[in-house]
Amino acid sequence: MKLAITGWRTQIASDVVRDGLGVELLNAAGDVVAEVFRSDVDGAITLNTFNNPLPVDVVDRLISIARDRLPPSGDDADGSA
C-alpha cells in the first residue's frame, strides 16, 4: 500500500518468531525503515524506527494505517476487552 506521501510505501508482515503482525514502512529503495507491530501474545502495539530519522507526517500516516489494518488480537478480537 502506498502512503499519500511520495517515496514511501507500507506492507503487512507476519512475524512467527515474535508472534505478531506488523505494518512495515519502506523507503524509495525498498528498505524497511520502521514498523508498527502488534503482539499476538499480549496485544501490545509498538512503533520501531530502527534509529531512522523520519518525518513526523510519515510516522503519523504509518500509525494511522496500522490502526486501520492491524486487527485486534487474542481475547480482545471482539472488542470487548
C-alpha atoms as a PDB file:
ATOM      1  CA  MET A   1       0.000   0.000   0.000  1.00  0.00           C
ATOM      2  CA  LYS A   2       1.362   3.406  -0.911  1.00  0.00           C
ATOM      3  CA  LEU A   3       1.220   6.273   1.513  1.00  0.00           C
ATOM      4  CA  ALA A   4      -0.145   9.566   0.296  1.00  0.00           C
ATOM      5  CA  ILE A   5       3.427  10.816   0.650  1.00  0.00           C
ATOM      6  CA  THR A   6       5.782  10.334  -2.291  1.00  0.00           C
ATOM      7  CA  GLY A   7       8.666   7.929  -1.817  1.00  0.00           C
ATOM      8  CA  TRP A   8       7.159   5.736   0.900  1.00  0.00           C
ATOM      9  CA  ARG A   9       5.016   2.594   0.975  1.00  0.00           C
ATOM     10  CA  THR A  10       3.796   0.071   3.522  1.00  0.00           C
ATOM     11  CA  GLN A  11       3.409  -3.686   3.660  1.00  0.00           C
ATOM     12  CA  ILE A  12       1.849  -6.099   6.141  1.00  0.00           C
ATOM     13  CA  ALA A  13       4.255  -8.652   7.630  1.00  0.00           C
ATOM     14  CA  SER A  14       3.662 -11.615   9.910  1.00  0.00           C
ATOM     15  CA  ASP A  15       6.410 -12.458  12.403  1.00  0.00           C
ATOM     16  CA  VAL A  16       6.257 -16.010  13.775  1.00  0.00           C
ATOM     17  CA  VAL A  17       9.340 -15.525  15.971  1.00  0.00           C
ATOM     18  CA  ARG A  18       7.859 -12.551  17.861  1.00  0.00           C
ATOM     19  CA  ASP A  19       4.318 -13.930  17.407  1.00  0.00           C
ATOM     20  CA  GLY A  20       2.557 -10.975  15.874  1.00  0.00           C
ATOM     21  CA  LEU A  21       1.710  -8.859  12.867  1.00  0.00           C
ATOM     22  CA  GLY A  22       3.183  -5.594  11.697  1.00  0.00           C
ATOM     23  CA  VAL A  23       2.849  -2.798   9.188  1.00  0.00           C
ATOM     24  CA  GLU A  24       6.283  -2.038   7.766  1.00  0.00           C
ATOM     25  CA  LEU A  25       7.316   1.304   6.283  1.00  0.00           C
ATOM     26  CA  LEU A  26       9.555   1.104   3.216  1.00  0.00           C
ATOM     27  CA  ASN A  27      11.565   3.936   1.713  1.00  0.00           C
ATOM     28  CA  ALA A  28      12.006   4.571  -2.022  1.00  0.00           C
ATOM     29  CA  ALA A  29      14.832   1.983  -2.175  1.00  0.00           C
ATOM     30  CA  GLY A  30      12.545  -0.684  -0.660  1.00  0.00           C
ATOM     31  CA  ASP A  31      14.313  -0.802   2.705  1.00  0.00           C
ATOM     32  CA  VAL A  32      12.203  -1.340   5.839  1.00  0.00           C
ATOM     33  CA  VAL A  33      12.837   1.778   7.924  1.00  0.00           C
ATOM     34  CA  ALA A  34      10.074   1.473  10.546  1.00  0.00           C
ATOM     35  CA  GLU A  35       7.268  -0.765  11.716  1.00  0.00           C
ATOM     36  CA  VAL A  36       4.191  -0.723  13.877  1.00  0.00           C
ATOM     37  CA  PHE A  37       3.979  -4.186  15.468  1.00  0.00           C
ATOM     38  CA  ARG A  38       1.051  -5.820  17.236  1.00  0.00           C
ATOM     39  CA  SER A  39       1.951  -8.702  19.549  1.00  0.00           C
ATOM     40  CA  ASP A  40      -0.388 -11.684  19.497  1.00  0.00           C
ATOM     41  CA  VAL A  41       0.939 -12.617  22.945  1.00  0.00           C
ATOM     42  CA  ASP A  42      -0.310  -9.586  24.872  1.00  0.00           C
ATOM     43  CA  GLY A  43      -1.915  -7.309  22.249  1.00  0.00           C
ATOM     44  CA  ALA A  44       0.695  -4.585  22.781  1.00  0.00           C
ATOM     45  CA  ILE A  45       1.281  -2.281  19.821  1.00  0.00           C
ATOM     46  CA  THR A  46       4.737  -0.743  19.416  1.00  0.00           C
ATOM     47  CA  LEU A  47       6.497   1.583  16.986  1.00  0.00           C
ATOM     48  CA  ASN A  48      10.097   0.876  15.970  1.00  0.00           C
ATOM     49  CA  THR A  49      12.015   3.236  13.680  1.00  0.00           C
ATOM     50  CA  PHE A  50      15.258   1.245  13.889  1.00  0.00           C
ATOM     51  CA  ASN A  51      17.092   4.511  14.693  1.00  0.00           C
ATOM     52  CA  ASN A  52      15.987   6.050  11.391  1.00  0.00           C
ATOM     53  CA  PRO A  53      15.138   9.746  11.454  1.00  0.00           C
ATOM     54  CA  LEU A  54      11.706  10.031   9.839  1.00  0.00           C
ATOM     55  CA  PRO A  55       9.399  12.941   9.025  1.00  0.00           C
ATOM     56  CA  VAL A  56       6.600  13.246  11.586  1.00  0.00           C
ATOM     57  CA  ASP A  57       3.915  13.321   8.877  1.00  0.00           C
ATOM     58  CA  VAL A  58       5.173   9.958   7.551  1.00  0.00           C
ATOM     59  CA  VAL A  59       5.158   8.437  11.055  1.00  0.00           C
ATOM     60  CA  ASP A  60       1.644   9.814  11.668  1.00  0.00           C
ATOM     61  CA  ARG A  61       0.424   8.222   8.428  1.00  0.00           C
ATOM     62  CA  LEU A  62       2.129   4.896   9.275  1.00  0.00           C
ATOM     63  CA  ILE A  63       0.402   4.794  12.662  1.00  0.00           C
ATOM     64  CA  SER A  64      -2.948   5.638  11.067  1.00  0.00           C
ATOM     65  CA  ILE A  65      -2.543   2.839   8.512  1.00  0.00           C
ATOM     66  CA  ALA A  66      -1.549   0.394  11.254  1.00  0.00           C
ATOM     67  CA  ARG A  67      -4.630   1.266  13.338  1.00  0.00           C
ATOM     68  CA  ASP A  68      -6.802   0.557  10.292  1.00  0.00           C
ATOM     69  CA  ARG A  69      -5.006  -2.571   9.034  1.00  0.00           C
ATOM     70  CA  LEU A  70      -3.986  -4.471  12.184  1.00  0.00           C
ATOM     71  CA  PRO A  71      -6.927  -6.408  13.567  1.00  0.00           C
ATOM     72  CA  PRO A  72      -7.265  -6.848  17.326  1.00  0.00           C
ATOM     73  CA  SER A  73      -5.519  -9.916  18.709  1.00  0.00           C
ATOM     74  CA  GLY A  74      -6.397 -12.667  21.155  1.00  0.00           C
ATOM     75  CA  ASP A  75      -9.185 -12.217  23.679  1.00  0.00           C
ATOM     76  CA  ASP A  76      -9.942  -8.639  22.592  1.00  0.00           C
ATOM     77  CA  ALA A  77     -10.774  -9.672  18.995  1.00  0.00           C
ATOM     78  CA  ASP A  78     -14.466  -8.964  19.577  1.00  0.00           C
ATOM     79  CA  GLY A  79     -13.692  -5.542  21.035  1.00  0.00           C
ATOM     80  CA  SER A  80     -14.936  -6.426  24.495  1.00  0.00           C
ATOM     81  CA  ALA A  81     -11.583  -6.258  26.299  1.00  0.00           C
END
